[in-house]
Structures are given as C-alpha cells and as structure tokens.
Amino acid sequence: MGERFERHRQPWTSDELQKLRTLAGKGMALKAIAKALTRSEESIRDRAKADGIGIAKLR
C-alpha cells in the first residue's frame, strides 16, 4: 500500500508550486516529486496538469 500523507486536501502554497515547477523542469519522476513535496502522486499529477506542467514519465 502507498504511503499515507497527513496533509490531505491542503491548499498549495506558492513555494510548493515553484518547487513543483523546478523539480518537473529537472525531469524528476512523479514519485520523487511527491516525496520531496510530501504530497500524493495523484495530487502532484492533478496540480501539474491544471498548471500545464509536464512531468517526466519513466520507461
């Protein structure tokens, strides 16, 4: 089972958004970004899609 996050449904801060853009720009994987921001992978994916940020897909 995946990790549980205490921050359920917390609003995104501008700091977190900046960090998301930076990490995604460096080509980090979704799992690594989620761990760095202590948010779920689904949360990261949804926010990135809403903001038009591309997340690297591992193959």
Protein backbone atom coordinates (compact mmCIF):
# COMPACT_ATOMS: atom_id res chain seq x y z
CA MET A 1 0.00 0.00 0.00
CA GLY A 2 1.22 3.54 -0.68
CA GLU A 3 2.40 5.99 1.94
CA ARG A 4 -0.21 7.94 3.88
CA PHE A 5 0.05 11.73 3.89
CA GLU A 6 -1.11 13.88 6.80
CA ARG A 7 -1.67 16.89 4.52
CA HIS A 8 -4.92 15.68 2.98
CA ARG A 9 -6.59 18.39 0.86
CA GLN A 10 -4.22 21.16 1.93
CA PRO A 11 -4.11 24.20 -0.37
CA TRP A 12 -0.98 24.64 -2.48
CA THR A 13 1.42 27.39 -1.41
CA SER A 14 3.34 29.49 -3.91
CA ASP A 15 6.56 27.93 -2.54
CA GLU A 16 5.29 24.44 -3.33
CA LEU A 17 4.22 25.45 -6.82
CA GLN A 18 7.66 26.92 -7.51
CA LYS A 19 9.32 23.75 -6.23
CA LEU A 20 6.99 21.63 -8.38
CA ARG A 21 7.94 23.63 -11.50
CA THR A 22 11.64 23.38 -10.64
CA LEU A 23 11.63 19.63 -9.98
CA ALA A 24 9.49 18.87 -13.04
CA GLY A 25 11.80 21.06 -15.13
CA LYS A 26 14.78 18.99 -13.99
CA GLY A 27 13.00 15.87 -15.25
CA MET A 28 12.40 14.24 -11.88
CA ALA A 29 9.96 11.34 -11.70
CA LEU A 30 6.48 11.75 -10.26
CA LYS A 31 7.29 9.56 -7.25
CA ALA A 32 10.38 11.60 -6.38
CA ILE A 33 8.49 14.89 -6.68
CA ALA A 34 5.68 13.56 -4.49
CA LYS A 35 8.16 12.54 -1.82
CA ALA A 36 10.01 15.89 -1.98
CA LEU A 37 6.77 17.85 -1.58
CA THR A 38 5.20 15.34 0.88
CA ARG A 39 2.09 15.09 -1.28
CA SER A 40 0.47 12.15 -3.02
CA GLU A 41 1.38 11.29 -6.60
CA GLU A 42 -2.24 11.90 -7.59
CA SER A 43 -2.15 15.37 -6.05
CA ILE A 44 1.07 16.22 -7.89
CA ARG A 45 -0.30 14.88 -11.18
CA ASP A 46 -3.56 16.83 -10.86
CA ARG A 47 -1.86 20.11 -9.97
CA ALA A 48 0.74 19.75 -12.72
CA LYS A 49 -2.00 19.10 -15.27
CA ALA A 50 -4.01 22.11 -14.06
CA ASP A 51 -0.93 24.36 -14.35
CA GLY A 52 0.26 22.90 -17.65
CA ILE A 53 3.46 21.47 -16.16
CA GLY A 54 4.87 18.37 -17.83
CA ILE A 55 6.03 15.52 -15.58
CA ALA A 56 8.64 13.10 -16.92
CA LYS A 57 7.43 9.55 -17.46
CA LEU A 58 9.83 6.77 -16.54
CA ARG A 59 10.18 3.95 -19.03
